[in-house]
C-alpha atoms as a PDB file:
ATOM      1  CA  MET A   1       9.011 -51.236 -72.382  1.00  0.00           C
ATOM      2  CA  GLY A   2       6.519 -51.977 -75.422  1.00  0.00           C
ATOM      3  CA  SER A   3       6.991 -52.628 -79.264  1.00  0.00           C
ATOM      4  CA  GLY A   4       8.547 -49.312 -79.791  1.00  0.00           C
ATOM      5  CA  TYR A   5      11.601 -50.106 -77.676  1.00  0.00           C
ATOM      6  CA  SER A   6      11.684 -53.722 -79.580  1.00  0.00           C
ATOM      7  CA  LYS A   7      11.445 -52.034 -83.149  1.00  0.00           C
ATOM      8  CA  MET A   8      14.182 -49.493 -81.797  1.00  0.00           C
ATOM      9  CA  LYS A   9      16.580 -52.269 -80.932  1.00  0.00           C
ATOM     10  CA  LYS A  10      16.032 -54.335 -84.227  1.00  0.00           C
ATOM     11  CA  GLN A  11      16.586 -50.823 -86.241  1.00  0.00           C
ATOM     12  CA  GLN A  12      19.760 -50.553 -83.912  1.00  0.00           C
ATOM     13  CA  LYS A  13      21.186 -53.765 -84.725  1.00  0.00           C
ATOM     14  CA  ALA A  14      20.599 -53.477 -88.542  1.00  0.00           C
ATOM     15  CA  MET A  15      22.246 -50.165 -88.496  1.00  0.00           C
ATOM     16  CA  GLN A  16      25.347 -51.786 -86.599  1.00  0.00           C
ATOM     17  CA  SER A  17      25.547 -54.678 -89.326  1.00  0.00           C
ATOM     18  CA  GLN A  18      25.051 -52.015 -92.042  1.00  0.00           C
ATOM     19  CA  MET A  19      28.174 -50.252 -90.612  1.00  0.00           C
ATOM     20  CA  ALA A  20      30.126 -53.373 -90.139  1.00  0.00           C
ATOM     21  CA  ASP A  21      29.420 -54.063 -93.885  1.00  0.00           C
ATOM     22  CA  MET A  22      30.658 -50.803 -95.221  1.00  0.00           C
ATOM     23  CA  GLN A  23      33.838 -51.050 -92.980  1.00  0.00           C
ATOM     24  CA  LYS A  24      34.400 -54.166 -94.241  1.00  0.00           C
ATOM     25  CA  ASP A  25      33.999 -52.880 -97.913  1.00  0.00           C
ATOM     26  CA  LEU A  26      36.578 -50.044 -97.196  1.00  0.00           C
ATOM     27  CA  GLU A  27      39.303 -52.425 -96.001  1.00  0.00           C
ATOM     28  CA  ALA A  28      38.680 -54.301 -99.134  1.00  0.00           C
ATOM     29  CA  LYS A  29      38.945 -51.248-101.513  1.00  0.00           C
ATOM     30  CA  GLU A  30      42.283 -50.438-103.281  1.00  0.00           C
ATOM     31  CA  ILE A  31      42.971 -46.930-103.760  1.00  0.00           C
ATOM     32  CA  ILE A  32      45.740 -45.822-105.754  1.00  0.00           C
ATOM     33  CA  GLY A  33      47.643 -42.604-105.595  1.00  0.00           C
ATOM     34  CA  SER A  34      50.313 -41.520-107.887  1.00  0.00           C
ATOM     35  CA  SER A  35      53.129 -38.850-108.087  1.00  0.00           C
ATOM     36  CA  GLU A  36      53.834 -36.246-110.908  1.00  0.00           C
ATOM     37  CA  GLY A  37      53.975 -38.651-114.156  1.00  0.00           C
ATOM     38  CA  ASP A  38      52.858 -41.718-112.426  1.00  0.00           C
ATOM     39  CA  LEU A  39      56.812 -42.455-111.404  1.00  0.00           C
ATOM     40  CA  VAL A  40      55.694 -43.744-107.968  1.00  0.00           C
ATOM     41  CA  LYS A  41      52.406 -45.123-107.013  1.00  0.00           C
ATOM     42  CA  VAL A  42      51.262 -46.220-103.229  1.00  0.00           C
ATOM     43  CA  THR A  43      47.858 -48.222-102.908  1.00  0.00           C
ATOM     44  CA  LEU A  44      46.013 -47.839 -99.533  1.00  0.00           C
ATOM     45  CA  SER A  45      42.971 -49.587 -98.392  1.00  0.00           C
ATOM     46  CA  GLY A  46      39.754 -47.468 -98.138  1.00  0.00           C
ATOM     47  CA  THR A  47      40.646 -47.292 -94.566  1.00  0.00           C
ATOM     48  CA  LYS A  48      43.996 -45.603 -95.437  1.00  0.00           C
ATOM     49  CA  GLU A  49      45.763 -48.705 -94.636  1.00  0.00           C
ATOM     50  CA  PHE A  50      49.103 -48.877 -96.641  1.00  0.00           C
ATOM     51  CA  LYS A  51      48.969 -51.839 -99.021  1.00  0.00           C
ATOM     52  CA  LYS A  52      52.116 -51.393-101.835  1.00  0.00           C
ATOM     53  CA  ILE A  53      53.935 -49.300-103.203  1.00  0.00           C
ATOM     54  CA  SER A  54      55.359 -49.176-106.699  1.00  0.00           C
ATOM     55  CA  ILE A  55      58.217 -47.043-108.000  1.00  0.00           C
ATOM     56  CA  ASN A  56      59.278 -46.626-111.799  1.00  0.00           C
ATOM     57  CA  PRO A  57      62.609 -47.683-112.275  1.00  0.00           C
ATOM     58  CA  ASP A  58      63.259 -44.832-114.118  1.00  0.00           C
ATOM     59  CA  CYS A  59      63.000 -42.499-111.180  1.00  0.00           C
ATOM     60  CA  VAL A  60      65.757 -44.269-109.499  1.00  0.00           C
ATOM     61  CA  ASP A  61      68.946 -42.282-108.873  1.00  0.00           C
ATOM     62  CA  SER A  62      71.407 -42.859-106.230  1.00  0.00           C
ATOM     63  CA  ASP A  63      72.264 -39.043-106.774  1.00  0.00           C
ATOM     64  CA  ASP A  64      68.837 -37.821-105.994  1.00  0.00           C
ATOM     65  CA  VAL A  65      67.465 -39.651-103.041  1.00  0.00           C
ATOM     66  CA  GLU A  66      65.309 -36.641-102.069  1.00  0.00           C
ATOM     67  CA  GLY A  67      63.822 -36.371-105.378  1.00  0.00           C
ATOM     68  CA  LEU A  68      62.160 -40.227-105.091  1.00  0.00           C
ATOM     69  CA  GLU A  69      61.486 -39.388-101.454  1.00  0.00           C
ATOM     70  CA  ASP A  70      59.511 -36.072-102.487  1.00  0.00           C
ATOM     71  CA  LEU A  71      57.811 -38.572-105.200  1.00  0.00           C
ATOM     72  CA  ILE A  72      56.822 -40.963-102.429  1.00  0.00           C
ATOM     73  CA  ALA A  73      55.363 -38.438-100.586  1.00  0.00           C
ATOM     74  CA  SER A  74      53.324 -36.898-103.361  1.00  0.00           C
ATOM     75  CA  ALA A  75      51.903 -40.392-104.217  1.00  0.00           C
ATOM     76  CA  PHE A  76      50.957 -41.136-100.694  1.00  0.00           C
ATOM     77  CA  LYS A  77      49.484 -37.625-100.230  1.00  0.00           C
ATOM     78  CA  ASP A  78      47.383 -38.538-103.027  1.00  0.00           C
ATOM     79  CA  ALA A  79      46.444 -41.863-102.066  1.00  0.00           C
ATOM     80  CA  GLU A  80      45.254 -40.417 -98.610  1.00  0.00           C
ATOM     81  CA  LYS A  81      43.217 -37.627-100.044  1.00  0.00           C
ATOM     82  CA  LYS A  82      41.325 -39.901-102.526  1.00  0.00           C
ATOM     83  CA  ALA A  83      40.772 -42.421 -99.558  1.00  0.00           C
ATOM     84  CA  GLY A  84      39.330 -39.649 -97.275  1.00  0.00           C
ATOM     85  CA  SER A  85      36.853 -39.011-100.225  1.00  0.00           C
ATOM     86  CA  GLU A  86      36.060 -42.224-100.579  1.00  0.00           C
ATOM     87  CA  MET A  87      35.360 -42.614 -96.649  1.00  0.00           C
ATOM     88  CA  GLY A  88      33.231 -39.383 -96.659  1.00  0.00           C
ATOM     89  CA  ASN A  89      31.167 -40.845 -99.705  1.00  0.00           C
ATOM     90  CA  MET A  90      30.225 -44.090 -98.426  1.00  0.00           C
ATOM     91  CA  GLY A  91      26.269 -44.227 -97.850  1.00  0.00           C
ATOM     92  CA  GLY A  92      26.333 -40.620 -96.923  1.00  0.00           C
ATOM     93  CA  MET A  93      27.996 -42.038 -93.669  1.00  0.00           C
ATOM     94  CA  GLY A  94      30.779 -39.892 -93.865  1.00  0.00           C
ATOM     95  CA  GLY A  95      30.967 -38.249 -90.626  1.00  0.00           C
ATOM     96  CA  PHE A  96      31.202 -41.597 -88.878  1.00  0.00           C
ATOM     97  CA  PHE A  97      34.597 -42.674 -90.407  1.00  0.00           C
END
């Protein structure tokens, strides 16, 4: 095993380090999805981990809980879609995440 093997091992280690850095960047990134009219906003990390939810008090109606549930689902889907796009755009490594 000559210098070619050593060079390949160094390249592999560098790539692993780069992937770890990209993963950290994704985890730190905040992606906000929103429902129609921005009544509900959902924040996810770049790895699609749920962070928080914001609900505009104007859309809270005890007689229409189903409507609020729909807004939450819509905001979550929007955030998830954006996070998926973000993951796919990270350094051309979309297939790895």
